[in-house]
C-alpha atoms as a PDB file:
ATOM      1  CA  MET A   1     -27.294  10.635   1.075  1.00  0.00           C
ATOM      2  CA  ILE A   2     -24.262   8.699  -0.109  1.00  0.00           C
ATOM      3  CA  ASN A   3     -24.637   4.932   0.083  1.00  0.00           C
ATOM      4  CA  ALA A   4     -22.849   3.762   3.229  1.00  0.00           C
ATOM      5  CA  GLU A   5     -21.240   0.856   1.338  1.00  0.00           C
ATOM      6  CA  VAL A   6     -19.314   3.101  -1.071  1.00  0.00           C
ATOM      7  CA  ARG A   7     -15.567   3.260  -0.361  1.00  0.00           C
ATOM      8  CA  LEU A   8     -13.579   6.501  -0.538  1.00  0.00           C
ATOM      9  CA  SER A   9     -10.078   6.889  -1.958  1.00  0.00           C
ATOM     10  CA  LEU A  10      -7.695   9.591  -3.160  1.00  0.00           C
ATOM     11  CA  LEU A  11      -5.693   9.823  -6.386  1.00  0.00           C
ATOM     12  CA  ASP A  12      -2.581  12.003  -6.154  1.00  0.00           C
ATOM     13  CA  ARG A  13      -0.529  12.645  -9.306  1.00  0.00           C
ATOM     14  CA  SER A  14       2.343  14.418  -7.517  1.00  0.00           C
ATOM     15  CA  ARG A  15       1.526  17.769  -9.127  1.00  0.00           C
ATOM     16  CA  THR A  16       4.293  20.322  -8.853  1.00  0.00           C
ATOM     17  CA  ARG A  17       3.678  23.894  -7.753  1.00  0.00           C
ATOM     18  CA  SER A  18       5.235  27.014  -9.260  1.00  0.00           C
ATOM     19  CA  GLY A  19       8.577  27.550  -7.536  1.00  0.00           C
ATOM     20  CA  GLU A  20       8.641  24.018  -6.120  1.00  0.00           C
ATOM     21  CA  THR A  21      11.000  21.160  -6.983  1.00  0.00           C
ATOM     22  CA  ASP A  22       9.845  17.791  -8.225  1.00  0.00           C
ATOM     23  CA  GLY A  23      11.236  16.249  -5.044  1.00  0.00           C
ATOM     24  CA  ALA A  24       9.000  18.497  -2.954  1.00  0.00           C
ATOM     25  CA  ALA A  25       5.994  17.332  -4.967  1.00  0.00           C
ATOM     26  CA  LEU A  26       6.831  13.676  -4.283  1.00  0.00           C
ATOM     27  CA  ARG A  27       7.288  14.362  -0.575  1.00  0.00           C
ATOM     28  CA  GLY A  28       3.948  16.163  -0.662  1.00  0.00           C
ATOM     29  CA  THR A  29       2.342  13.012  -2.043  1.00  0.00           C
ATOM     30  CA  VAL A  30       3.713  10.938   0.839  1.00  0.00           C
ATOM     31  CA  ALA A  31       2.510  13.533   3.349  1.00  0.00           C
ATOM     32  CA  ARG A  32      -0.948  13.555   1.764  1.00  0.00           C
ATOM     33  CA  ALA A  33      -1.101   9.777   2.020  1.00  0.00           C
ATOM     34  CA  THR A  34      -0.314   9.837   5.732  1.00  0.00           C
ATOM     35  CA  ARG A  35      -3.085  12.395   6.288  1.00  0.00           C
ATOM     36  CA  ALA A  36      -5.470  10.322   4.157  1.00  0.00           C
ATOM     37  CA  GLU A  37      -4.827   7.359   6.421  1.00  0.00           C
ATOM     38  CA  GLN A  38      -5.496   9.483   9.507  1.00  0.00           C
ATOM     39  CA  LEU A  39      -8.729  10.748   7.931  1.00  0.00           C
ATOM     40  CA  GLY A  40      -9.983   7.222   7.276  1.00  0.00           C
ATOM     41  CA  PHE A  41      -9.646   6.972   3.486  1.00  0.00           C
ATOM     42  CA  HIS A  42      -9.851   3.393   2.248  1.00  0.00           C
ATOM     43  CA  ARG A  43      -7.185   3.638  -0.459  1.00  0.00           C
ATOM     44  CA  PHE A  44      -4.497   5.959  -1.841  1.00  0.00           C
ATOM     45  CA  TRP A  45      -3.701   5.831  -5.565  1.00  0.00           C
ATOM     46  CA  VAL A  46      -0.684   7.260  -7.432  1.00  0.00           C
ATOM     47  CA  ALA A  47      -0.259   7.682 -11.187  1.00  0.00           C
ATOM     48  CA  GLU A  48       2.341   7.309 -13.946  1.00  0.00           C
ATOM     49  CA  HIS A  49       3.249  10.189 -16.260  1.00  0.00           C
ATOM     50  CA  HIS A  50       6.439  10.574 -18.290  1.00  0.00           C
ATOM     51  CA  GLY A  51       8.118  13.790 -19.390  1.00  0.00           C
ATOM     52  CA  VAL A  52       5.313  16.048 -18.106  1.00  0.00           C
ATOM     53  CA  PRO A  53       6.736  19.241 -16.532  1.00  0.00           C
ATOM     54  CA  GLY A  54       3.882  19.705 -14.056  1.00  0.00           C
ATOM     55  CA  ILE A  55       3.846  16.130 -12.754  1.00  0.00           C
ATOM     56  CA  ALA A  56       6.600  14.461 -10.725  1.00  0.00           C
ATOM     57  CA  GLY A  57       4.823  11.102 -10.442  1.00  0.00           C
ATOM     58  CA  ALA A  58       6.594   9.019 -13.086  1.00  0.00           C
ATOM     59  CA  ALA A  59       7.302   5.774 -11.215  1.00  0.00           C
ATOM     60  CA  PRO A  60       4.410   4.331  -9.173  1.00  0.00           C
ATOM     61  CA  ALA A  61       6.295   1.381  -7.655  1.00  0.00           C
ATOM     62  CA  PRO A  62       9.064   3.311  -5.825  1.00  0.00           C
ATOM     63  CA  LEU A  63       6.636   6.061  -4.874  1.00  0.00           C
ATOM     64  CA  LEU A  64       4.256   3.520  -3.339  1.00  0.00           C
ATOM     65  CA  THR A  65       7.171   1.966  -1.473  1.00  0.00           C
ATOM     66  CA  ALA A  66       7.831   5.361   0.120  1.00  0.00           C
ATOM     67  CA  VAL A  67       4.139   5.702   0.955  1.00  0.00           C
ATOM     68  CA  ALA A  68       4.149   2.189   2.419  1.00  0.00           C
ATOM     69  CA  GLY A  69       6.948   3.183   4.771  1.00  0.00           C
ATOM     70  CA  ALA A  70       4.951   6.177   6.036  1.00  0.00           C
ATOM     71  CA  THR A  71       1.625   4.358   6.539  1.00  0.00           C
ATOM     72  CA  THR A  72       0.364   1.218   8.237  1.00  0.00           C
ATOM     73  CA  MET A  73      -3.248   0.506   7.223  1.00  0.00           C
ATOM     74  CA  ILE A  74      -4.453   2.357   4.124  1.00  0.00           C
ATOM     75  CA  ARG A  75      -4.520   0.387   0.871  1.00  0.00           C
ATOM     76  CA  LEU A  76      -2.016   1.528  -1.778  1.00  0.00           C
ATOM     77  CA  GLY A  77      -2.627   1.436  -5.503  1.00  0.00           C
ATOM     78  CA  SER A  78      -1.433   2.557  -8.913  1.00  0.00           C
ATOM     79  CA  ALA A  79      -3.939   4.376 -11.079  1.00  0.00           C
ATOM     80  CA  GLY A  80      -2.245   3.442 -13.030  1.00  0.00           C
ATOM     81  CA  VAL A  81       0.762   1.748 -14.492  1.00  0.00           C
ATOM     82  CA  MET A  82       0.638   2.209 -18.284  1.00  0.00           C
ATOM     83  CA  LEU A  83       1.235  -1.360 -19.386  1.00  0.00           C
ATOM     84  CA  PRO A  84       2.288  -0.609 -23.007  1.00  0.00           C
ATOM     85  CA  HIS A  85       5.393   1.098 -21.542  1.00  0.00           C
ATOM     86  CA  HIS A  86       6.556  -1.996 -19.658  1.00  0.00           C
ATOM     87  CA  GLN A  87       7.150  -5.719 -19.808  1.00  0.00           C
ATOM     88  CA  PRO A  88       4.529  -7.598 -17.736  1.00  0.00           C
ATOM     89  CA  LEU A  89       7.199  -9.546 -15.831  1.00  0.00           C
ATOM     90  CA  VAL A  90       8.940  -6.349 -14.727  1.00  0.00           C
ATOM     91  CA  VAL A  91       5.671  -4.828 -13.524  1.00  0.00           C
ATOM     92  CA  ALA A  92       4.868  -8.013 -11.602  1.00  0.00           C
ATOM     93  CA  GLU A  93       8.321  -7.973  -9.974  1.00  0.00           C
ATOM     94  CA  GLN A  94       8.031  -4.310  -9.042  1.00  0.00           C
ATOM     95  CA  PHE A  95       4.649  -4.685  -7.364  1.00  0.00           C
ATOM     96  CA  ALA A  96       5.586  -7.907  -5.654  1.00  0.00           C
ATOM     97  CA  THR A  97       8.477  -5.912  -4.177  1.00  0.00           C
ATOM     98  CA  VAL A  98       6.153  -3.104  -3.054  1.00  0.00           C
ATOM     99  CA  SER A  99       3.890  -5.730  -1.508  1.00  0.00           C
ATOM    100  CA  ALA A 100       6.809  -7.026   0.579  1.00  0.00           C
ATOM    101  CA  PHE A 101       6.823  -3.656   2.374  1.00  0.00           C
ATOM    102  CA  ALA A 102       3.019  -3.449   2.678  1.00  0.00           C
ATOM    103  CA  PRO A 103       1.676  -7.023   2.774  1.00  0.00           C
ATOM    104  CA  GLY A 104      -1.974  -7.296   1.867  1.00  0.00           C
ATOM    105  CA  ARG A 105      -2.315  -3.584   1.067  1.00  0.00           C
ATOM    106  CA  VAL A 106      -1.197  -3.269  -2.566  1.00  0.00           C
ATOM    107  CA  ASP A 107      -3.460  -2.924  -5.615  1.00  0.00           C
ATOM    108  CA  LEU A 108      -2.228  -2.765  -9.205  1.00  0.00           C
ATOM    109  CA  GLY A 109      -4.249  -0.519 -11.492  1.00  0.00           C
ATOM    110  CA  LEU A 110      -3.313  -0.729 -15.171  1.00  0.00           C
ATOM    111  CA  GLY A 111      -3.989   1.464 -18.178  1.00  0.00           C
ATOM    112  CA  ARG A 112      -2.842   1.804 -21.758  1.00  0.00           C
ATOM    113  CA  SER A 113      -2.556   5.553 -22.418  1.00  0.00           C
ATOM    114  CA  PRO A 114       0.240   6.571 -24.794  1.00  0.00           C
ATOM    115  CA  GLY A 115       3.100   8.864 -23.835  1.00  0.00           C
ATOM    116  CA  PHE A 116       2.383  12.581 -23.530  1.00  0.00           C
ATOM    117  CA  THR A 117       4.363  13.585 -26.655  1.00  0.00           C
ATOM    118  CA  ALA A 118       6.004  11.863 -29.624  1.00  0.00           C
ATOM    119  CA  PRO A 119       9.529  12.192 -28.107  1.00  0.00           C
ATOM    120  CA  VAL A 120       8.270  10.604 -24.876  1.00  0.00           C
ATOM    121  CA  ARG A 121       6.693   7.744 -26.812  1.00  0.00           C
ATOM    122  CA  ARG A 122       9.984   7.168 -28.643  1.00  0.00           C
ATOM    123  CA  ALA A 123      11.936   7.261 -25.386  1.00  0.00           C
ATOM    124  CA  LEU A 124       9.589   4.662 -23.903  1.00  0.00           C
ATOM    125  CA  ARG A 125      10.085   2.412 -26.958  1.00  0.00           C
ATOM    126  CA  GLN A 126       6.327   2.233 -27.062  1.00  0.00           C
ATOM    127  CA  THR A 127       4.862  -0.405 -29.347  1.00  0.00           C
ATOM    128  CA  ASP A 128       1.386  -1.572 -30.296  1.00  0.00           C
ATOM    129  CA  ASN A 129       1.243  -4.324 -27.696  1.00  0.00           C
ATOM    130  CA  ASP A 130      -1.838  -6.465 -27.144  1.00  0.00           C
ATOM    131  CA  PHE A 131      -3.177  -4.944 -23.919  1.00  0.00           C
ATOM    132  CA  ALA A 132      -5.480  -7.871 -23.149  1.00  0.00           C
ATOM    133  CA  ALA A 133      -2.690 -10.409 -23.678  1.00  0.00           C
ATOM    134  CA  ASP A 134      -0.292  -8.380 -21.513  1.00  0.00           C
ATOM    135  CA  LEU A 135      -2.912  -8.159 -18.757  1.00  0.00           C
ATOM    136  CA  ALA A 136      -3.437 -11.899 -18.813  1.00  0.00           C
ATOM    137  CA  GLU A 137       0.323 -12.548 -18.777  1.00  0.00           C
ATOM    138  CA  LEU A 138       0.815 -10.172 -15.847  1.00  0.00           C
ATOM    139  CA  ARG A 139      -1.963 -11.892 -13.920  1.00  0.00           C
ATOM    140  CA  ASP A 140      -0.328 -15.268 -14.563  1.00  0.00           C
ATOM    141  CA  PHE A 141       2.944 -14.031 -13.066  1.00  0.00           C
ATOM    142  CA  LEU A 142       1.202 -12.700  -9.954  1.00  0.00           C
ATOM    143  CA  THR A 143      -0.913 -15.819  -9.429  1.00  0.00           C
ATOM    144  CA  GLY A 144       1.930 -18.294 -10.001  1.00  0.00           C
ATOM    145  CA  THR A 145       0.449 -19.862 -13.133  1.00  0.00           C
ATOM    146  CA  ALA A 146       3.088 -18.607 -15.600  1.00  0.00           C
ATOM    147  CA  ASP A 147       6.080 -20.564 -16.903  1.00  0.00           C
ATOM    148  CA  ILE A 148       8.368 -18.282 -14.858  1.00  0.00           C
ATOM    149  CA  THR A 149       8.229 -18.224 -11.061  1.00  0.00           C
ATOM    150  CA  LEU A 150       7.932 -14.667  -9.807  1.00  0.00           C
ATOM    151  CA  HIS A 151      10.447 -13.337  -7.290  1.00  0.00           C
ATOM    152  CA  PRO A 152       9.989 -11.915  -4.794  1.00  0.00           C
ATOM    153  CA  GLN A 153       7.019 -14.154  -4.100  1.00  0.00           C
ATOM    154  CA  PRO A 154       4.047 -12.009  -2.975  1.00  0.00           C
ATOM    155  CA  ASP A 155       2.819 -12.739   0.547  1.00  0.00           C
ATOM    156  CA  GLY A 156      -0.755 -12.662  -0.755  1.00  0.00           C
ATOM    157  CA  PRO A 157      -2.880 -11.652  -3.757  1.00  0.00           C
ATOM    158  CA  ILE A 158      -2.152  -8.372  -5.563  1.00  0.00           C
ATOM    159  CA  PRO A 159      -5.518  -7.440  -7.107  1.00  0.00           C
ATOM    160  CA  LEU A 160      -5.598  -6.007 -10.642  1.00  0.00           C
ATOM    161  CA  TYR A 161      -7.778  -3.082 -11.738  1.00  0.00           C
ATOM    162  CA  VAL A 162      -8.264  -1.696 -15.242  1.00  0.00           C
ATOM    163  CA  LEU A 163      -8.389   2.040 -15.949  1.00  0.00           C
ATOM    164  CA  ALA A 164     -11.046   1.660 -18.571  1.00  0.00           C
ATOM    165  CA  THR A 165     -12.334   3.380 -21.668  1.00  0.00           C
ATOM    166  CA  GLY A 166     -14.865   1.727 -23.965  1.00  0.00           C
ATOM    167  CA  THR A 167     -12.341  -0.840 -25.212  1.00  0.00           C
ATOM    168  CA  GLY A 168     -10.849  -1.270 -21.738  1.00  0.00           C
ATOM    169  CA  LEU A 169     -14.292  -2.064 -20.343  1.00  0.00           C
ATOM    170  CA  ARG A 170     -14.725  -4.874 -22.838  1.00  0.00           C
ATOM    171  CA  ILE A 171     -11.288  -6.300 -22.029  1.00  0.00           C
ATOM    172  CA  ALA A 172     -11.922  -6.077 -18.274  1.00  0.00           C
ATOM    173  CA  ALA A 173     -15.283  -7.806 -18.646  1.00  0.00           C
ATOM    174  CA  ARG A 174     -13.737 -10.640 -20.637  1.00  0.00           C
ATOM    175  CA  LEU A 175     -10.901 -11.130 -18.105  1.00  0.00           C
ATOM    176  CA  GLY A 176     -13.161 -10.728 -15.076  1.00  0.00           C
ATOM    177  CA  LEU A 177     -11.432  -7.637 -13.683  1.00  0.00           C
ATOM    178  CA  PRO A 178     -12.707  -4.581 -11.780  1.00  0.00           C
ATOM    179  CA  VAL A 179     -12.594  -1.187 -13.508  1.00  0.00           C
ATOM    180  CA  ILE A 180     -11.978   2.470 -12.709  1.00  0.00           C
ATOM    181  CA  VAL A 181     -13.701   4.901 -15.072  1.00  0.00           C
ATOM    182  CA  GLY A 182     -13.883   8.662 -15.439  1.00  0.00           C
ATOM    183  CA  GLY A 183     -14.429  11.444 -17.955  1.00  0.00           C
ATOM    184  CA  PRO A 184     -17.162  10.923 -20.565  1.00  0.00           C
ATOM    185  CA  LEU A 185     -18.081   7.510 -19.154  1.00  0.00           C
ATOM    186  CA  LEU A 186     -19.543   9.283 -16.107  1.00  0.00           C
ATOM    187  CA  GLY A 187     -22.099  11.100 -18.224  1.00  0.00           C
ATOM    188  CA  ALA A 188     -25.184   9.939 -20.067  1.00  0.00           C
ATOM    189  CA  ASP A 189     -23.030   8.695 -22.954  1.00  0.00           C
ATOM    190  CA  GLY A 190     -21.391   6.156 -20.644  1.00  0.00           C
ATOM    191  CA  THR A 191     -24.592   4.519 -19.407  1.00  0.00           C
ATOM    192  CA  GLN A 192     -24.691   1.856 -22.116  1.00  0.00           C
ATOM    193  CA  ALA A 193     -20.951   1.115 -21.892  1.00  0.00           C
ATOM    194  CA  LEU A 194     -21.183   0.516 -18.137  1.00  0.00           C
ATOM    195  CA  ALA A 195     -24.275  -1.631 -18.596  1.00  0.00           C
ATOM    196  CA  ASP A 196     -22.465  -3.681 -21.249  1.00  0.00           C
ATOM    197  CA  TYR A 197     -19.523  -4.218 -18.889  1.00  0.00           C
ATOM    198  CA  ARG A 198     -21.851  -5.609 -16.244  1.00  0.00           C
ATOM    199  CA  ARG A 199     -23.834  -7.694 -18.731  1.00  0.00           C
ATOM    200  CA  THR A 200     -20.824  -9.321 -20.408  1.00  0.00           C
ATOM    201  CA  PHE A 201     -18.676  -9.724 -17.270  1.00  0.00           C
ATOM    202  CA  GLU A 202     -17.096 -13.171 -16.932  1.00  0.00           C
ATOM    203  CA  PRO A 203     -16.390 -14.081 -13.281  1.00  0.00           C
ATOM    204  CA  SER A 204     -12.768 -14.709 -12.334  1.00  0.00           C
ATOM    205  CA  ALA A 205     -10.901 -15.981  -9.296  1.00  0.00           C
ATOM    206  CA  GLN A 206     -10.187 -12.380  -8.278  1.00  0.00           C
ATOM    207  CA  GLN A 207     -13.584 -10.911  -9.065  1.00  0.00           C
ATOM    208  CA  PRO A 208     -16.740 -13.044  -8.993  1.00  0.00           C
ATOM    209  CA  GLU A 209     -18.972 -10.167 -10.090  1.00  0.00           C
ATOM    210  CA  PRO A 210     -18.656  -6.798 -11.872  1.00  0.00           C
ATOM    211  CA  TRP A 211     -17.040  -4.017  -9.828  1.00  0.00           C
ATOM    212  CA  LEU A 212     -16.761  -0.349 -10.720  1.00  0.00           C
ATOM    213  CA  ALA A 213     -15.027   2.700  -9.259  1.00  0.00           C
ATOM    214  CA  ILE A 214     -15.466   6.216 -10.617  1.00  0.00           C
ATOM    215  CA  SER A 215     -12.774   8.897 -10.696  1.00  0.00           C
ATOM    216  CA  THR A 216     -13.454  12.628 -10.820  1.00  0.00           C
ATOM    217  CA  ASP A 217     -12.086  15.903  -9.483  1.00  0.00           C
ATOM    218  CA  VAL A 218     -13.632  16.778  -6.103  1.00  0.00           C
ATOM    219  CA  LEU A 219     -12.814  19.972  -4.198  1.00  0.00           C
ATOM    220  CA  ILE A 220     -14.697  21.292  -1.163  1.00  0.00           C
ATOM    221  CA  ALA A 221     -14.625  24.671   0.574  1.00  0.00           C
ATOM    222  CA  ASP A 222     -16.839  26.821   2.810  1.00  0.00           C
ATOM    223  CA  THR A 223     -18.509  28.475  -0.194  1.00  0.00           C
ATOM    224  CA  ASP A 224     -19.122  27.498  -3.795  1.00  0.00           C
ATOM    225  CA  ALA A 225     -16.969  30.410  -4.981  1.00  0.00           C
ATOM    226  CA  GLU A 226     -14.021  29.350  -2.817  1.00  0.00           C
ATOM    227  CA  ALA A 227     -14.273  25.789  -4.086  1.00  0.00           C
ATOM    228  CA  ALA A 228     -14.358  27.014  -7.691  1.00  0.00           C
ATOM    229  CA  ASP A 229     -11.189  28.987  -6.962  1.00  0.00           C
ATOM    230  CA  LEU A 230      -9.504  25.810  -5.690  1.00  0.00           C
ATOM    231  CA  LEU A 231     -10.184  24.150  -9.043  1.00  0.00           C
ATOM    232  CA  LEU A 232      -8.851  27.061 -11.100  1.00  0.00           C
ATOM    233  CA  PRO A 233      -5.079  26.270 -10.948  1.00  0.00           C
ATOM    234  CA  GLU A 234      -5.608  22.709 -12.219  1.00  0.00           C
ATOM    235  CA  ALA A 235      -8.248  23.758 -14.756  1.00  0.00           C
ATOM    236  CA  TRP A 236      -5.971  26.483 -16.128  1.00  0.00           C
ATOM    237  CA  ALA A 237      -3.051  24.046 -16.436  1.00  0.00           C
ATOM    238  CA  MET A 238      -5.298  21.610 -18.298  1.00  0.00           C
ATOM    239  CA  ALA A 239      -6.529  24.363 -20.641  1.00  0.00           C
ATOM    240  CA  GLN A 240      -2.936  25.294 -21.429  1.00  0.00           C
ATOM    241  CA  SER A 241      -1.968  21.691 -22.110  1.00  0.00           C
ATOM    242  CA  ARG A 242      -4.853  21.245 -24.539  1.00  0.00           C
ATOM    243  CA  THR A 243      -4.026  24.414 -26.469  1.00  0.00           C
ATOM    244  CA  THR A 244      -0.238  24.805 -26.242  1.00  0.00           C
ATOM    245  CA  GLY A 245       0.992  21.268 -25.575  1.00  0.00           C
ATOM    246  CA  VAL A 246       2.594  22.389 -22.293  1.00  0.00           C
ATOM    247  CA  PHE A 247       1.216  21.106 -18.978  1.00  0.00           C
ATOM    248  CA  PRO A 248       2.704  23.512 -16.431  1.00  0.00           C
ATOM    249  CA  PRO A 249       3.071  23.385 -12.648  1.00  0.00           C
ATOM    250  CA  LEU A 250       0.142  24.652 -10.610  1.00  0.00           C
ATOM    251  CA  GLU A 251       0.034  28.411 -10.106  1.00  0.00           C
ATOM    252  CA  PRO A 252      -1.606  30.359  -7.255  1.00  0.00           C
ATOM    253  CA  VAL A 253      -5.287  31.104  -7.747  1.00  0.00           C
ATOM    254  CA  ALA A 254      -4.654  34.820  -8.296  1.00  0.00           C
ATOM    255  CA  ALA A 255      -2.132  34.128 -11.067  1.00  0.00           C
ATOM    256  CA  ALA A 256      -4.435  31.640 -12.782  1.00  0.00           C
ATOM    257  CA  ARG A 257      -7.351  34.049 -12.546  1.00  0.00           C
ATOM    258  CA  SER A 258      -5.450  36.985 -14.043  1.00  0.00           C
ATOM    259  CA  ALA A 259      -3.712  35.033 -16.825  1.00  0.00           C
ATOM    260  CA  ALA A 260      -4.550  36.108 -20.366  1.00  0.00           C
ATOM    261  CA  ARG A 261      -6.442  33.365 -22.161  1.00  0.00           C
ATOM    262  CA  THR A 262      -7.779  32.748 -25.628  1.00  0.00           C
ATOM    263  CA  PRO A 263     -11.449  31.997 -26.352  1.00  0.00           C
ATOM    264  CA  ARG A 264     -10.479  28.354 -26.936  1.00  0.00           C
ATOM    265  CA  GLN A 265      -8.733  28.184 -23.564  1.00  0.00           C
ATOM    266  CA  GLN A 266     -11.809  29.679 -21.922  1.00  0.00           C
ATOM    267  CA  GLN A 267     -13.912  26.959 -23.531  1.00  0.00           C
ATOM    268  CA  TYR A 268     -11.666  24.306 -22.000  1.00  0.00           C
ATOM    269  CA  LEU A 269     -11.829  26.042 -18.629  1.00  0.00           C
ATOM    270  CA  ASP A 270     -15.625  26.062 -18.757  1.00  0.00           C
ATOM    271  CA  ARG A 271     -15.725  22.393 -19.777  1.00  0.00           C
ATOM    272  CA  ILE A 272     -13.380  21.317 -16.974  1.00  0.00           C
ATOM    273  CA  THR A 273     -15.296  23.374 -14.423  1.00  0.00           C
ATOM    274  CA  THR A 274     -18.567  21.759 -15.455  1.00  0.00           C
ATOM    275  CA  ALA A 275     -17.152  18.235 -15.216  1.00  0.00           C
ATOM    276  CA  ALA A 276     -15.574  18.688 -11.771  1.00  0.00           C
ATOM    277  CA  ILE A 277     -17.527  18.356  -8.523  1.00  0.00           C
ATOM    278  CA  THR A 278     -16.873  21.423  -6.389  1.00  0.00           C
ATOM    279  CA  GLY A 279     -18.681  23.452  -3.774  1.00  0.00           C
ATOM    280  CA  THR A 280     -19.809  23.409  -0.176  1.00  0.00           C
ATOM    281  CA  PRO A 281     -20.085  20.048   1.609  1.00  0.00           C
ATOM    282  CA  ASP A 282     -23.856  19.958   1.068  1.00  0.00           C
ATOM    283  CA  ARG A 283     -23.597  20.692  -2.643  1.00  0.00           C
ATOM    284  CA  VAL A 284     -20.804  18.182  -3.192  1.00  0.00           C
ATOM    285  CA  GLN A 285     -22.640  15.499  -1.250  1.00  0.00           C
ATOM    286  CA  ARG A 286     -25.747  15.912  -3.392  1.00  0.00           C
ATOM    287  CA  ARG A 287     -23.772  15.711  -6.635  1.00  0.00           C
ATOM    288  CA  LEU A 288     -21.728  12.730  -5.485  1.00  0.00           C
ATOM    289  CA  ALA A 289     -24.817  10.854  -4.313  1.00  0.00           C
ATOM    290  CA  GLU A 290     -26.406  11.340  -7.740  1.00  0.00           C
ATOM    291  CA  ILE A 291     -23.419  10.139  -9.772  1.00  0.00           C
ATOM    292  CA  LEU A 292     -22.649   7.228  -7.435  1.00  0.00           C
ATOM    293  CA  ASP A 293     -26.262   6.060  -7.543  1.00  0.00           C
ATOM    294  CA  ARG A 294     -26.480   6.450 -11.311  1.00  0.00           C
ATOM    295  CA  THR A 295     -23.290   4.521 -12.014  1.00  0.00           C
ATOM    296  CA  GLY A 296     -23.651   1.980  -9.205  1.00  0.00           C
ATOM    297  CA  ALA A 297     -20.023   2.597  -8.265  1.00  0.00           C
ATOM    298  CA  ALA A 298     -18.504   0.809  -5.290  1.00  0.00           C
ATOM    299  CA  GLU A 299     -15.713   3.361  -4.799  1.00  0.00           C
ATOM    300  CA  LEU A 300     -15.082   7.054  -5.373  1.00  0.00           C
ATOM    301  CA  VAL A 301     -11.552   7.928  -6.483  1.00  0.00           C
ATOM    302  CA  ALA A 302     -11.287  11.654  -5.719  1.00  0.00           C
ATOM    303  CA  ALA A 303      -8.646  13.246  -7.931  1.00  0.00           C
ATOM    304  CA  GLY A 304      -8.716  16.954  -7.106  1.00  0.00           C
ATOM    305  CA  SER A 305      -5.594  19.097  -6.777  1.00  0.00           C
ATOM    306  CA  THR A 306      -4.870  22.770  -6.157  1.00  0.00           C
ATOM    307  CA  PHE A 307      -1.916  25.067  -5.504  1.00  0.00           C
ATOM    308  CA  ASP A 308      -2.568  25.627  -1.789  1.00  0.00           C
ATOM    309  CA  ARG A 309      -1.687  22.418   0.050  1.00  0.00           C
ATOM    310  CA  GLY A 310      -3.441  23.607   3.205  1.00  0.00           C
ATOM    311  CA  ALA A 311      -6.679  24.172   1.304  1.00  0.00           C
ATOM    312  CA  LEU A 312      -6.276  20.758  -0.346  1.00  0.00           C
ATOM    313  CA  HIS A 313      -5.894  19.109   3.072  1.00  0.00           C
ATOM    314  CA  ALA A 314      -9.040  20.892   4.309  1.00  0.00           C
ATOM    315  CA  SER A 315     -10.913  19.673   1.218  1.00  0.00           C
ATOM    316  CA  ASP A 316      -9.728  16.100   1.814  1.00  0.00           C
ATOM    317  CA  ALA A 317     -10.864  16.324   5.434  1.00  0.00           C
ATOM    318  CA  ALA A 318     -14.315  17.611   4.439  1.00  0.00           C
ATOM    319  CA  LEU A 319     -14.680  14.786   1.919  1.00  0.00           C
ATOM    320  CA  ALA A 320     -13.626  12.177   4.480  1.00  0.00           C
ATOM    321  CA  ALA A 321     -16.180  13.536   6.953  1.00  0.00           C
ATOM    322  CA  MET A 322     -18.856  13.109   4.291  1.00  0.00           C
ATOM    323  CA  PHE A 323     -18.072   9.387   4.055  1.00  0.00           C
ATOM    324  CA  SER A 324     -17.409   8.748   7.740  1.00  0.00           C
ATOM    325  CA  ARG A 325     -19.432   5.959   9.282  1.00  0.00           C
ATOM    326  CA  PRO A 326     -20.904   6.081  12.795  1.00  0.00           C
END
């Protein structure tokens, strides 16, 4: 069984669908957030991607403001703002503004991934900033300890989270910040890195002890085969991006299944399928319980997406039921 203390949240990247506008994808994100609140999810995360054809979520702050206007209770977070693309003061101002529309509900997740392509990196004027120094500066703005007084003044704390790799874990431990991890860090190779984060963690005013969330694709259906089909549109898009450099909108399952693919693309498909957690509710619950227990995570950030929005809503509902408390 899943530990009753583990929180449940959703990550929505505003994926576009074939034949759908970017605006429709953003409105779909807001609609998914309102359903997540109704289903009892603890938190709803949005992401930042620039110049990616299949993703409309480029600006977390205004998107979260729209979500704030459509919800009343669920926590709202960025997973995350890519800090090398921004000045810390501007990020602090943006999220203080979001917090004015959702007092006490806003969380600021931060990462340091580069732009998707070289032209995007040039357009972002990306430089080799000191991520740790920028994090500390941003925290000073939000806590009122910087030389500049932040406006608007937040009504309360805006917690920081670090989307962490190996280096990010070390930075988060030194600054006393909670982390969100995924990918290889969820496997056996990540065991030592997570242990090191906990061992070297330096308590802070925000976080007195180490705190970890894990992020992974989760899709649930009535049968294992149906759940695997739900994953196929996203897995096929990922395989294309890794082999052609193009990350396309989601296609219907039938189109993704019948698409011609190279042996290398099939390898990526198999790898993505293995990493994701899909299946019937019983199968997914067993797999989630194992990974949550092994990592000691305090929160699951479910990041699944698929072409059929109705099927995605049903998957979200099944996941929420798994975490519901009496």
